């Protein structure tokens, strides 16, 4: 994700770039790139005492109640969508509605073999949830078999940046990124989309 931001993220344009569940190293790169237009965000902002920038409270189960429609330059999140209750399709579409033309959506999710699985039942035992979804607080896991239909089709008004054609094996090795992240879908795969005029 750091490599993608440094190489391919659109330039600063005065509009906000939101970074959900911010990681410190990625936050530093985004601050360097977008300065005062960088906005870290989370449902529980008080958990980010380390942040150099105040963290904005955003509930991604209702993106457009927190994000301005056609008002953002970028959205960045890594392994966040599996935690969000509600329809993941609606969440992605509403997030995309917040972007201006030319804005970008950069994300990663856990992708496993097989098909998409989801269960939002709060009474599911912790051990069962860990077994089904890899982590006790995951509501879903994405599957290789239907990831394009489940998620990528929702970016119909976007250009997908083909990172496989633009990043060399040497660059991946220097960044300690497994080559499989560009040859198959997995939890290391970064997806970068640029919004175009429909």
Protein backbone atom coordinates (compact mmCIF):
# COMPACT_ATOMS: atom_id res chain seq x y z
CA UNK A 1 0.00 0.00 0.00
CA UNK A 2 2.86 2.38 0.77
CA UNK A 3 4.42 1.62 -2.61
CA UNK A 4 1.11 2.28 -4.38
CA UNK A 5 0.56 5.61 -2.59
CA UNK A 6 4.07 6.82 -3.37
CA UNK A 7 3.91 5.79 -7.02
CA UNK A 8 0.32 6.14 -8.15
CA UNK A 9 -1.92 8.12 -5.79
CA UNK A 10 -3.41 11.24 -7.45
CA UNK A 11 -1.93 14.61 -6.54
CA UNK A 12 -3.19 16.87 -3.80
CA UNK A 13 -6.17 18.92 -5.05
CA UNK A 14 -7.41 20.71 -1.95
CA UNK A 15 -10.04 18.03 -1.19
CA UNK A 16 -9.78 15.70 1.82
CA UNK A 17 -8.20 12.25 1.75
CA UNK A 18 -9.74 9.99 4.40
CA UNK A 19 -7.70 7.15 5.91
CA UNK A 20 -9.84 4.66 7.86
CA UNK A 21 -8.46 2.64 10.79
CA UNK A 22 -5.16 4.45 10.21
CA UNK A 23 -1.83 2.67 10.48
CA UNK A 24 1.02 4.89 11.64
CA UNK A 25 3.43 4.16 8.78
CA UNK A 26 0.77 4.71 6.10
CA UNK A 27 -0.44 7.82 7.94
CA UNK A 28 3.06 9.30 7.73
CA UNK A 29 3.16 8.75 3.95
CA UNK A 30 -0.29 10.24 3.49
CA UNK A 31 0.60 13.28 5.61
CA UNK A 32 3.74 13.74 3.50
CA UNK A 33 1.65 13.47 0.32
CA UNK A 34 -1.52 15.35 1.25
CA UNK A 35 -0.56 17.58 4.19
CA UNK A 36 -3.51 19.44 5.69
CA UNK A 37 -5.89 17.53 3.40
CA UNK A 38 -5.16 14.26 5.24
CA UNK A 39 -7.92 13.07 7.61
CA UNK A 40 -7.51 9.88 9.66
CA UNK A 41 -10.87 8.41 10.68
CA UNK A 42 -12.29 5.59 12.77
CA UNK A 43 -15.43 4.54 14.65
CA UNK A 44 -13.41 4.76 17.90
CA UNK A 45 -11.07 7.76 17.42
CA UNK A 46 -9.86 7.71 21.03
CA UNK A 47 -7.86 4.55 20.27
CA UNK A 48 -5.37 6.58 18.21
CA UNK A 49 -3.50 8.60 20.81
CA UNK A 50 -0.34 8.23 18.66
CA UNK A 51 -1.87 10.10 15.72
CA UNK A 52 -0.19 13.36 14.70
CA UNK A 53 -3.55 14.52 13.29
CA UNK A 54 -6.86 14.42 15.22
CA UNK A 55 -8.85 11.33 14.22
CA UNK A 56 -12.37 12.02 12.93
CA UNK A 57 -15.24 9.77 14.05
CA UNK A 58 -16.83 8.01 11.07
CA UNK A 59 -19.29 5.11 11.14
CA UNK A 60 -18.67 3.34 7.84
CA UNK A 61 -21.91 1.42 8.12
CA UNK A 62 -23.47 4.76 7.02
CA UNK A 63 -20.76 6.50 4.97
CA UNK A 64 -22.81 9.34 3.50
CA UNK A 65 -23.94 10.47 6.96
CA UNK A 66 -20.29 11.33 7.62
CA UNK A 67 -18.70 11.95 4.23
CA UNK A 68 -19.70 14.68 1.74
CA UNK A 69 -21.10 13.42 -1.55
CA UNK A 70 -18.65 14.32 -4.37
CA UNK A 71 -16.38 15.99 -1.81
CA UNK A 72 -13.30 13.81 -1.28
CA UNK A 73 -10.07 13.30 -3.18
CA UNK A 74 -9.32 9.90 -1.70
CA UNK A 75 -10.28 6.95 0.48
CA UNK A 76 -7.64 4.64 1.93
CA UNK A 77 -8.30 1.56 4.08
CA UNK A 78 -6.66 -1.77 4.73
CA UNK A 79 -8.57 -4.73 6.18
CA UNK A 80 -11.51 -2.59 7.28
CA UNK A 81 -14.50 -3.75 5.20
CA UNK A 82 -14.64 -7.12 6.95
CA UNK A 83 -15.51 -5.32 10.21
CA UNK A 84 -18.37 -3.12 8.94
CA UNK A 85 -21.95 -4.26 9.70
CA UNK A 86 -24.62 -4.04 7.03
CA UNK A 87 -24.50 -4.50 3.27
CA UNK A 88 -20.89 -4.35 2.09
CA UNK A 89 -22.14 -3.49 -1.41
CA UNK A 90 -24.02 -0.44 -0.10
CA UNK A 91 -21.04 0.64 2.01
CA UNK A 92 -18.66 0.52 -0.97
CA UNK A 93 -21.13 2.33 -3.26
CA UNK A 94 -21.72 5.10 -0.70
CA UNK A 95 -17.99 5.51 -0.13
CA UNK A 96 -17.53 5.83 -3.89
CA UNK A 97 -20.26 8.48 -4.05
CA UNK A 98 -18.17 10.64 -1.70
CA UNK A 99 -15.34 10.89 -4.26
CA UNK A 100 -14.89 13.69 -6.78
CA UNK A 101 -14.10 12.89 -10.42
CA UNK A 102 -10.39 12.02 -10.44
CA UNK A 103 -10.53 10.93 -6.81
CA UNK A 104 -9.12 7.57 -5.75
CA UNK A 105 -10.16 4.56 -3.68
CA UNK A 106 -7.27 2.41 -2.42
CA UNK A 107 -8.01 -0.64 -0.28
CA UNK A 108 -7.09 -4.14 0.83
CA UNK A 109 -9.31 -6.87 2.31
CA UNK A 110 -8.75 -10.45 3.46
CA UNK A 111 -9.32 -12.74 0.48
CA UNK A 112 -9.36 -16.50 1.01
CA UNK A 113 -9.98 -19.54 -1.17
CA UNK A 114 -13.58 -20.27 -2.05
CA UNK A 115 -16.54 -17.93 -1.88
CA UNK A 116 -17.67 -14.89 0.08
CA UNK A 117 -18.94 -15.71 3.58
CA UNK A 118 -20.76 -13.44 6.02
CA UNK A 119 -22.58 -13.70 9.35
CA UNK A 120 -23.48 -10.68 11.47
CA UNK A 121 -25.17 -12.63 14.27
CA UNK A 122 -23.75 -11.07 17.50
CA UNK A 123 -24.39 -14.27 19.44
CA UNK A 124 -21.96 -16.35 17.36
CA UNK A 125 -19.32 -17.77 19.73
CA UNK A 126 -15.88 -16.17 19.43
CA UNK A 127 -14.17 -19.46 18.53
CA UNK A 128 -16.65 -20.13 15.73
CA UNK A 129 -16.22 -16.61 14.34
CA UNK A 130 -12.43 -16.98 14.38
CA UNK A 131 -12.71 -20.31 12.56
CA UNK A 132 -15.10 -18.96 9.92
CA UNK A 133 -13.73 -15.46 9.42
CA UNK A 134 -10.09 -15.60 10.59
CA UNK A 135 -10.59 -13.15 13.48
CA UNK A 136 -13.06 -12.75 16.35
CA UNK A 137 -14.25 -9.31 15.21
CA UNK A 138 -14.67 -10.09 11.50
CA UNK A 139 -18.20 -10.23 10.10
CA UNK A 140 -17.18 -11.55 6.69
CA UNK A 141 -14.36 -12.86 4.57
CA UNK A 142 -14.00 -12.35 0.85
CA UNK A 143 -13.49 -15.31 -1.50
CA UNK A 144 -11.34 -15.59 -4.62
CA UNK A 145 -14.14 -17.29 -6.54
CA UNK A 146 -16.56 -14.36 -6.48
CA UNK A 147 -14.47 -11.33 -5.46
CA UNK A 148 -14.80 -9.63 -8.83
CA UNK A 149 -18.58 -10.02 -8.84
CA UNK A 150 -18.98 -9.24 -5.15
CA UNK A 151 -16.74 -6.14 -4.98
CA UNK A 152 -14.91 -5.07 -8.11
CA UNK A 153 -18.08 -4.74 -10.22
CA UNK A 154 -19.14 -1.91 -7.87
CA UNK A 155 -16.43 0.30 -9.40
CA UNK A 156 -18.09 0.63 -12.83
CA UNK A 157 -17.48 4.38 -13.00
CA UNK A 158 -13.80 3.96 -12.11
CA UNK A 159 -10.56 3.11 -13.86
CA UNK A 160 -8.71 0.28 -12.17
CA UNK A 161 -4.96 0.86 -12.13
CA UNK A 162 -3.29 -2.37 -13.25
CA UNK A 163 -0.49 -2.59 -10.70
CA UNK A 164 0.79 -5.85 -12.22
CA UNK A 165 1.86 -3.92 -15.31
CA UNK A 166 3.42 -1.06 -13.36
CA UNK A 167 5.31 -2.62 -10.44
CA UNK A 168 8.34 -4.83 -11.00
CA UNK A 169 9.33 -7.92 -9.03
CA UNK A 170 12.37 -5.99 -7.81
CA UNK A 171 10.21 -3.20 -6.42
CA UNK A 172 7.99 -5.75 -4.69
CA UNK A 173 11.02 -7.48 -3.16
CA UNK A 174 12.45 -4.15 -1.95
CA UNK A 175 9.12 -3.39 -0.27
CA UNK A 176 8.88 -6.92 1.24
CA UNK A 177 5.64 -7.56 -0.65
CA UNK A 178 4.99 -11.13 -1.83
CA UNK A 179 4.83 -11.38 -5.66
CA UNK A 180 1.52 -13.25 -5.32
CA UNK A 181 -0.13 -9.96 -4.36
CA UNK A 182 -0.07 -8.99 -8.04
CA UNK A 183 -0.73 -12.37 -9.62
CA UNK A 184 -3.69 -13.51 -7.55
CA UNK A 185 -6.19 -12.09 -5.08
CA UNK A 186 -5.12 -12.33 -1.46
CA UNK A 187 -4.90 -10.23 1.70
CA UNK A 188 -1.77 -8.44 0.39
CA UNK A 189 -3.40 -7.35 -2.88
CA UNK A 190 -3.94 -3.59 -3.13
CA UNK A 191 -6.78 -2.31 -5.30
CA UNK A 192 -6.51 1.21 -6.69
CA UNK A 193 -9.41 2.82 -8.56
CA UNK A 194 -9.67 6.34 -9.99
CA UNK A 195 -13.14 7.83 -10.43
CA UNK A 196 -13.92 8.95 -13.95
CA UNK A 197 -16.81 10.90 -15.42
CA UNK A 198 -19.72 8.52 -16.06
